[in-house]
Amino acid sequence: MNSPAKDRMIRTVRTILLGSMLLGGAQAAPRVGQHDGFTRLVFNLPTVTTASSKVTGQSVTVTLGAALSAEQGPLSAPGVTAYAVAGRTVTVTLAKGHGSAKVSVLPAASGQSARLVIDVPSSVAAAAVPVRPPAAATPSPVVRPASTSVVRPRIVLDPGHGGVDPGAVSRWVKEEDVTLDVALRTRAELLTHGVDVVLTRSRDEHLSADKKRDLAARSGMANNGVVSAFVSIHVNSASPSAQGIETYYFGQPLAGGNRSLAVLENGGGSVGLELTRQASGTAQKELGDILAQAKIAFSRQLAQKVQARLIAATGAVNRGVQTDAFYVIKNPTTPAILVELGFGSSPVEGPKLASAAYREVLAQALARAILDFLNTK
């Protein structure tokens, strides 16, 4: 058995064993799984419902729109020590030094009921991050990482292409130039709001001349430490009549989707075809995986916010939020999206993308969308 498959089986068995020890036949008790960097608690729900959360000291309190059976007990997993369920309230006690969580509600799928999912960072590095005072306002519905996160948020911005790969080139712009400039402007704005930003590149360079290694190195930066999101920035290219902004999260392409775009952004030619084929296979496998479902749900929410902000700021043609098998957003274990800021090949959008003022508009809108996702002012 290969190593990844073996590791996956070990994690599955560990989850089943922990769940069996803790459930004790009580419907309100969580299933507990240990993953790389975090502990996951999964509570079955009678139906999809609203959820709001807050972190106070070393407790995570979730208020649901539906009631559960009363239950409480100890937890023996990294980052957590106990749980308690009382009607519409679920409380998880965190281990000493821990003070953050991501909370989400997943719909029924693949034979599973609706679930409340609470992810608690388990690494020593995550536990050592200083705690912020909890927010006093009424909690907002949680459809993203918890708004009262005590971990200073960190974002990875990926300016697409660079170095040996300039990306799409037109009479007005080169993709590698636009993506880097917008990323630098976005980083500058996010830093003023207390968000840490990692750039996959800060100048005209590639991470590897081999496209697969280049894309893997970029996406791998989202798995180092505590990262809240990965955003890959690109510029589209097609016929002169094509216009608009579109945002993608990872998955199988929608019916009638533009598969050639994924192939192009995955390196083009035979390399792009092969990487797209590999990524498509991963997308199919992820449909029944609960961890992948949570990542996809968060990624969809981030993509929707980015698309809405960019369209509102620019008035560009709205090409919508879509899914496709982009290799660079396949591997991150954090919410990950790829945004196409417009068509450099368009006589309308090409000159705009060459303008510093328009790039600033794009950067401000992108930054605002990320702050919305993080629930950060």
Protein backbone atom coordinates (compact mmCIF):
# COMPACT_ATOMS: atom_id res chain seq x y z
CA MET A 1 0.00 0.00 0.00
CA ASN A 2 1.42 3.40 -0.91
CA SER A 3 2.18 5.92 1.83
CA PRO A 4 -0.66 8.43 1.15
CA ALA A 5 -3.25 5.64 1.09
CA LYS A 6 -1.81 4.16 4.27
CA ASP A 7 -1.84 7.54 6.03
CA ARG A 8 -5.43 8.11 4.93
CA MET A 9 -6.45 4.72 6.31
CA ILE A 10 -4.69 5.42 9.63
CA ARG A 11 -6.52 8.75 9.97
CA THR A 12 -9.83 7.06 9.16
CA VAL A 13 -9.27 4.31 11.73
CA ARG A 14 -8.21 6.89 14.33
CA THR A 15 -11.38 8.87 13.68
CA ILE A 16 -13.57 5.76 14.03
CA LEU A 17 -11.84 4.69 17.24
CA LEU A 18 -12.06 8.12 18.85
CA GLY A 19 -15.66 8.46 17.77
CA SER A 20 -16.53 5.06 19.24
CA MET A 21 -14.91 5.90 22.59
CA LEU A 22 -16.66 9.24 22.88
CA LEU A 23 -20.07 8.59 21.41
CA GLY A 24 -21.22 5.98 23.86
CA GLY A 25 -24.46 5.75 21.86
CA ALA A 26 -25.39 9.40 22.49
CA GLN A 27 -26.55 11.18 19.34
CA ALA A 28 -25.33 14.57 20.53
CA ALA A 29 -21.74 13.47 21.14
CA PRO A 30 -19.24 14.41 18.44
CA ARG A 31 -17.16 12.27 16.18
CA VAL A 32 -13.52 13.25 16.66
CA GLY A 33 -10.81 13.10 14.04
CA GLN A 34 -7.16 14.08 14.16
CA HIS A 35 -5.74 15.64 10.99
CA ASP A 36 -2.51 17.38 10.09
CA GLY A 37 -2.56 20.61 12.10
CA PHE A 38 -6.06 20.42 13.56
CA THR A 39 -8.60 18.34 15.47
CA ARG A 40 -12.08 18.04 13.94
CA LEU A 41 -15.30 17.60 15.94
CA VAL A 42 -18.39 16.60 13.95
CA PHE A 43 -21.88 16.83 15.49
CA ASN A 44 -24.79 15.30 13.57
CA LEU A 45 -27.67 17.73 13.04
CA PRO A 46 -31.35 16.92 12.42
CA THR A 47 -31.33 19.38 9.51
CA VAL A 48 -29.26 22.15 7.96
CA THR A 49 -29.50 25.11 10.29
CA THR A 50 -27.97 28.46 11.14
CA ALA A 51 -24.98 28.67 13.45
CA SER A 52 -23.19 31.51 15.20
CA SER A 53 -20.08 31.21 17.32
CA LYS A 54 -17.83 33.03 19.72
CA VAL A 55 -14.56 32.25 21.46
CA THR A 56 -14.30 33.34 25.07
CA GLY A 57 -11.11 32.44 26.88
CA GLN A 58 -10.70 28.73 26.23
CA SER A 59 -14.29 27.99 25.26
CA VAL A 60 -15.92 27.89 21.83
CA THR A 61 -19.68 28.40 22.05
CA VAL A 62 -21.90 27.68 19.04
CA THR A 63 -25.56 28.69 18.98
CA LEU A 64 -27.64 26.64 16.55
CA GLY A 65 -31.03 27.21 14.99
CA ALA A 66 -32.03 23.64 15.88
CA ALA A 67 -31.94 21.82 19.22
CA LEU A 68 -29.86 18.73 19.99
CA SER A 69 -30.12 16.18 22.78
CA ALA A 70 -28.39 17.15 26.02
CA GLU A 71 -24.98 15.51 26.37
CA GLN A 72 -21.55 16.27 27.78
CA GLY A 73 -18.26 14.52 28.33
CA PRO A 74 -14.47 14.69 28.17
CA LEU A 75 -12.45 14.82 24.97
CA SER A 76 -9.00 13.35 24.62
CA ALA A 77 -7.55 14.89 21.47
CA PRO A 78 -5.05 17.68 20.72
CA GLY A 79 -6.47 21.13 21.38
CA VAL A 80 -9.71 20.06 23.11
CA THR A 81 -10.60 18.73 26.55
CA ALA A 82 -14.41 18.56 26.82
CA TYR A 83 -17.75 19.24 25.14
CA ALA A 84 -21.27 20.02 26.29
CA VAL A 85 -24.53 20.09 24.34
CA ALA A 86 -27.64 21.75 25.79
CA GLY A 87 -30.48 22.29 23.35
CA ARG A 88 -29.35 24.86 20.81
CA THR A 89 -25.96 25.47 22.46
CA VAL A 90 -22.78 23.50 21.81
CA THR A 91 -19.72 24.31 23.92
CA VAL A 92 -16.22 22.96 23.37
CA THR A 93 -13.54 23.49 26.00
CA LEU A 94 -10.12 24.10 24.49
CA ALA A 95 -6.83 22.88 25.88
CA LYS A 96 -4.52 25.34 27.62
CA GLY A 97 -2.87 27.70 25.17
CA HIS A 98 -5.49 27.15 22.47
CA GLY A 99 -8.05 29.79 21.63
CA SER A 100 -9.31 29.57 18.06
CA ALA A 101 -11.64 27.51 15.90
CA LYS A 102 -13.32 27.34 12.51
CA VAL A 103 -17.03 26.56 12.60
CA SER A 104 -19.26 25.50 9.71
CA VAL A 105 -22.48 23.67 8.95
CA LEU A 106 -22.41 21.13 6.11
CA PRO A 107 -25.55 19.97 4.32
CA ALA A 108 -26.58 16.34 4.06
CA ALA A 109 -24.57 14.59 1.33
CA SER A 110 -23.22 11.19 0.32
CA GLY A 111 -25.46 9.35 2.79
CA GLN A 112 -24.48 11.57 5.72
CA SER A 113 -26.81 13.85 7.66
CA ALA A 114 -26.26 17.59 8.04
CA ARG A 115 -23.26 18.25 10.32
CA LEU A 116 -21.85 20.93 12.58
CA VAL A 117 -18.07 20.90 12.07
CA ILE A 118 -15.65 22.52 14.52
CA ASP A 119 -11.96 22.56 13.59
CA VAL A 120 -9.47 23.39 16.36
CA PRO A 121 -5.78 23.96 15.52
CA SER A 122 -3.72 21.32 17.27
CA SER A 123 -0.16 22.34 16.44
CA VAL A 124 2.17 23.86 19.01
CA ALA A 125 2.71 26.86 16.74
CA ALA A 126 -1.02 27.54 16.50
CA ALA A 127 -1.45 27.18 20.24
CA ALA A 128 1.32 29.69 20.92
CA VAL A 129 -0.28 32.57 19.00
CA PRO A 130 -1.33 35.40 21.38
CA VAL A 131 -5.03 35.60 22.11
CA ARG A 132 -7.09 38.66 21.15
CA PRO A 133 -9.88 39.87 23.47
CA PRO A 134 -13.23 38.35 22.37
CA ALA A 135 -15.62 40.58 20.43
CA ALA A 136 -18.50 41.97 22.48
CA ALA A 137 -20.98 42.20 19.60
CA THR A 138 -23.65 39.58 18.93
CA PRO A 139 -22.06 36.75 16.92
CA SER A 140 -22.76 36.67 13.19
CA PRO A 141 -23.91 33.51 11.39
CA VAL A 142 -20.81 31.46 10.77
CA VAL A 143 -20.29 30.36 7.19
CA ARG A 144 -16.55 30.92 7.25
CA PRO A 145 -13.68 30.70 9.80
CA ALA A 146 -15.06 31.98 13.11
CA SER A 147 -15.25 35.79 13.27
CA THR A 148 -13.68 35.86 16.73
CA SER A 149 -10.60 33.93 15.66
CA VAL A 150 -7.78 34.51 18.12
CA VAL A 151 -5.13 33.70 15.53
CA ARG A 152 -3.79 36.64 13.54
CA PRO A 153 -5.13 35.83 10.06
CA ARG A 154 -2.66 34.97 7.34
CA ILE A 155 -3.38 34.95 3.62
CA VAL A 156 -1.34 33.56 0.73
CA LEU A 157 -1.58 35.62 -2.46
CA ASP A 158 -0.35 33.91 -5.61
CA PRO A 159 0.46 36.25 -8.53
CA GLY A 160 0.00 33.80 -11.41
CA HIS A 161 2.85 32.94 -13.78
CA GLY A 162 6.21 34.81 -13.80
CA GLY A 163 9.77 34.03 -14.82
CA VAL A 164 9.88 31.57 -17.71
CA ASP A 165 6.08 31.65 -17.96
CA PRO A 166 4.68 35.14 -18.71
CA GLY A 167 1.11 33.84 -18.99
CA ALA A 168 -1.28 35.49 -21.42
CA VAL A 169 0.29 38.25 -23.51
CA SER A 170 -1.57 40.88 -25.54
CA ARG A 171 -0.76 44.22 -27.16
CA TRP A 172 -1.76 45.88 -23.87
CA VAL A 173 -0.52 43.67 -21.03
CA LYS A 174 1.43 40.63 -19.91
CA GLU A 175 -0.41 38.50 -17.38
CA GLU A 176 2.62 38.12 -15.10
CA ASP A 177 2.91 41.91 -14.73
CA VAL A 178 -0.76 42.53 -13.92
CA THR A 179 -1.03 39.69 -11.41
CA LEU A 180 2.08 40.78 -9.50
CA ASP A 181 1.06 44.44 -9.36
CA VAL A 182 -2.46 43.62 -8.15
CA ALA A 183 -1.08 41.17 -5.56
CA LEU A 184 1.36 43.77 -4.19
CA ARG A 185 -1.41 46.36 -3.95
CA THR A 186 -3.74 43.87 -2.27
CA ARG A 187 -1.05 42.93 0.24
CA ALA A 188 -0.47 46.59 1.10
CA GLU A 189 -4.15 47.07 1.89
CA LEU A 190 -4.49 43.86 3.91
CA LEU A 191 -1.43 44.72 6.01
CA THR A 192 -3.13 47.93 7.14
CA HIS A 193 -5.93 45.77 8.58
CA GLY A 194 -3.64 43.50 10.57
CA VAL A 195 -3.65 40.59 8.12
CA ASP A 196 -0.38 38.76 7.50
CA VAL A 197 0.26 38.21 3.79
CA VAL A 198 2.58 35.70 2.12
CA LEU A 199 3.32 36.21 -1.58
CA THR A 200 4.30 33.18 -3.67
CA ARG A 201 6.49 35.57 -5.66
CA SER A 202 7.38 39.23 -5.18
CA ARG A 203 9.13 39.85 -8.50
CA ASP A 204 9.23 38.46 -12.04
CA GLU A 205 10.34 34.93 -11.23
CA HIS A 206 9.21 31.33 -11.30
CA LEU A 207 9.47 28.87 -8.40
CA SER A 208 10.50 26.07 -10.74
CA ALA A 209 11.03 25.77 -14.48
CA ASP A 210 8.97 22.57 -14.23
CA LYS A 211 5.33 23.68 -14.26
CA LYS A 212 4.04 20.95 -11.97
CA ARG A 213 6.69 21.72 -9.36
CA ASP A 214 6.09 25.45 -9.76
CA LEU A 215 2.35 25.10 -9.09
CA ALA A 216 2.91 22.63 -6.25
CA ALA A 217 5.40 24.99 -4.59
CA ARG A 218 2.92 27.86 -4.76
CA SER A 219 0.03 25.89 -3.31
CA GLY A 220 2.32 24.34 -0.70
CA MET A 221 2.81 27.75 0.89
CA ALA A 222 -0.82 27.57 2.03
CA ASN A 223 -0.04 24.50 4.13
CA ASN A 224 2.81 26.01 6.16
CA GLY A 225 1.50 27.16 9.55
CA VAL A 226 -1.93 28.67 10.07
CA VAL A 227 -3.27 30.08 6.80
CA SER A 228 -6.83 31.38 6.39
CA ALA A 229 -7.03 31.39 2.59
CA PHE A 230 -5.11 30.99 -0.67
CA VAL A 231 -5.92 33.34 -3.58
CA SER A 232 -4.37 32.79 -7.00
CA ILE A 233 -4.60 35.86 -9.27
CA HIS A 234 -4.77 35.60 -13.07
CA VAL A 235 -5.71 37.41 -16.28
CA ASN A 236 -7.86 35.74 -18.94
CA SER A 237 -7.31 35.53 -22.68
CA ALA A 238 -9.68 34.61 -25.51
CA SER A 239 -11.22 36.24 -28.57
CA PRO A 240 -11.33 40.08 -28.64
CA SER A 241 -15.05 40.00 -27.85
CA ALA A 242 -14.62 38.13 -24.54
CA GLN A 243 -14.94 40.26 -21.41
CA GLY A 244 -15.58 39.92 -17.72
CA ILE A 245 -14.38 38.71 -14.35
CA GLU A 246 -14.83 35.16 -13.06
CA THR A 247 -13.78 33.37 -9.88
CA TYR A 248 -13.15 29.64 -9.44
CA TYR A 249 -12.92 27.18 -6.59
CA PHE A 250 -11.67 23.64 -7.01
CA GLY A 251 -13.93 20.93 -8.37
CA GLN A 252 -15.28 19.31 -11.48
CA PRO A 253 -16.00 21.84 -14.24
CA LEU A 254 -19.60 22.97 -14.60
CA ALA A 255 -21.48 21.66 -17.61
CA GLY A 256 -20.37 23.57 -20.70
CA GLY A 257 -17.38 25.00 -18.82
CA ASN A 258 -14.27 26.25 -20.57
CA ARG A 259 -11.88 23.35 -20.04
CA SER A 260 -9.24 25.06 -22.19
CA LEU A 261 -8.86 27.74 -19.48
CA ALA A 262 -7.87 25.18 -16.85
CA VAL A 263 -5.44 23.60 -19.30
CA LEU A 264 -3.95 27.02 -20.08
CA GLU A 265 -3.51 28.06 -16.44
CA ASN A 266 -2.12 24.61 -15.64
CA GLY A 267 0.75 25.23 -18.06
CA GLY A 268 -0.78 24.78 -21.50
CA GLY A 269 -0.01 22.13 -24.10
CA SER A 270 0.60 18.53 -23.08
CA VAL A 271 1.74 19.59 -19.58
CA GLY A 272 -1.48 21.52 -18.99
CA LEU A 273 -3.57 18.62 -20.28
CA GLU A 274 -1.84 16.14 -17.96
CA LEU A 275 -2.05 18.36 -14.87
CA THR A 276 -5.72 19.07 -15.60
CA ARG A 277 -6.37 15.34 -15.92
CA GLN A 278 -4.69 14.70 -12.57
CA ALA A 279 -6.57 17.54 -10.90
CA SER A 280 -9.89 16.34 -12.33
CA GLY A 281 -9.30 12.91 -10.81
CA THR A 282 -8.71 14.52 -7.42
CA ALA A 283 -11.92 16.56 -7.74
CA GLN A 284 -13.95 13.40 -8.33
CA LYS A 285 -12.43 11.64 -5.31
CA GLU A 286 -13.09 14.61 -3.02
CA LEU A 287 -16.86 14.48 -3.50
CA GLY A 288 -17.34 12.02 -0.64
CA ASP A 289 -14.62 13.29 1.73
CA ILE A 290 -15.83 15.34 4.68
CA LEU A 291 -12.58 17.31 5.00
CA ALA A 292 -12.66 18.15 1.30
CA GLN A 293 -16.33 19.13 1.57
CA ALA A 294 -15.52 21.63 4.32
CA LYS A 295 -12.67 23.12 2.26
CA ILE A 296 -14.92 23.34 -0.79
CA ALA A 297 -17.72 25.00 1.21
CA PHE A 298 -15.36 27.68 2.57
CA SER A 299 -13.75 28.12 -0.86
CA ARG A 300 -17.16 28.67 -2.45
CA GLN A 301 -18.00 31.35 0.12
CA LEU A 302 -14.67 33.11 -0.47
CA ALA A 303 -15.15 32.95 -4.24
CA GLN A 304 -18.64 34.43 -3.97
CA LYS A 305 -17.39 37.35 -1.88
CA VAL A 306 -14.48 38.04 -4.22
CA GLN A 307 -16.67 37.91 -7.31
CA ALA A 308 -19.32 40.20 -5.80
CA ARG A 309 -16.80 42.81 -4.63
CA LEU A 310 -14.91 42.88 -7.94
CA ILE A 311 -18.06 43.26 -10.02
CA ALA A 312 -19.44 45.99 -7.76
CA ALA A 313 -16.15 47.92 -7.87
CA THR A 314 -15.48 47.66 -11.61
CA GLY A 315 -18.85 47.25 -13.32
CA ALA A 316 -17.26 44.50 -15.41
CA VAL A 317 -19.24 41.72 -17.07
CA ASN A 318 -20.13 39.18 -14.39
CA ARG A 319 -19.01 35.76 -15.59
CA GLY A 320 -19.89 34.26 -12.22
CA VAL A 321 -18.44 31.80 -9.72
CA GLN A 322 -17.49 28.44 -11.19
CA THR A 323 -15.61 25.24 -10.42
CA ASP A 324 -12.77 23.72 -12.40
CA ALA A 325 -9.66 21.59 -12.00
CA PHE A 326 -6.94 24.21 -11.55
CA TYR A 327 -3.84 22.46 -10.24
CA VAL A 328 -2.67 25.35 -8.06
CA ILE A 329 -5.84 25.26 -5.90
CA LYS A 330 -5.98 21.45 -5.70
CA ASN A 331 -3.62 20.81 -2.78
CA PRO A 332 -4.10 23.58 -0.19
CA THR A 333 -5.90 22.36 2.95
CA THR A 334 -7.24 25.89 3.42
CA PRO A 335 -9.98 27.69 1.42
CA ALA A 336 -8.47 28.27 -2.03
CA ILE A 337 -9.69 30.15 -5.10
CA LEU A 338 -8.45 31.35 -8.47
CA VAL A 339 -9.68 34.69 -9.83
CA GLU A 340 -9.51 35.87 -13.45
CA LEU A 341 -9.45 39.68 -13.27
CA GLY A 342 -10.50 40.26 -16.87
CA PHE A 343 -9.39 39.64 -20.44
CA GLY A 344 -6.06 41.11 -21.43
CA SER A 345 -7.02 40.22 -25.00
CA SER A 346 -10.07 42.52 -24.91
CA PRO A 347 -9.78 45.99 -26.50
CA VAL A 348 -12.00 47.15 -23.64
CA GLU A 349 -10.41 45.41 -20.67
CA GLY A 350 -6.82 45.17 -21.93
CA PRO A 351 -6.18 48.94 -21.65
CA LYS A 352 -7.92 49.00 -18.27
CA LEU A 353 -5.69 46.22 -16.94
CA ALA A 354 -2.68 48.23 -18.12
CA SER A 355 -3.81 51.16 -15.94
CA ALA A 356 -2.37 51.56 -12.45
CA ALA A 357 -5.60 53.22 -11.31
CA TYR A 358 -7.72 50.27 -12.45
CA ARG A 359 -5.34 47.78 -10.83
CA GLU A 360 -5.75 49.70 -7.57
CA VAL A 361 -9.53 49.39 -7.88
CA LEU A 362 -9.15 45.64 -8.37
CA ALA A 363 -6.77 45.34 -5.43
CA GLN A 364 -9.01 47.30 -3.07
CA ALA A 365 -12.02 45.18 -4.01
CA LEU A 366 -10.05 41.95 -3.63
CA ALA A 367 -8.72 43.02 -0.24
CA ARG A 368 -12.19 44.01 0.94
CA ALA A 369 -13.59 40.62 -0.10
CA ILE A 370 -10.86 38.81 1.83
CA LEU A 371 -11.56 40.98 4.89
CA ASP A 372 -15.26 40.17 4.54
CA PHE A 373 -14.40 36.48 4.48
CA LEU A 374 -12.27 36.86 7.60
CA ASN A 375 -14.94 39.08 9.18
CA THR A 376 -12.21 41.65 9.78
CA LYS A 377 -12.77 45.41 9.62
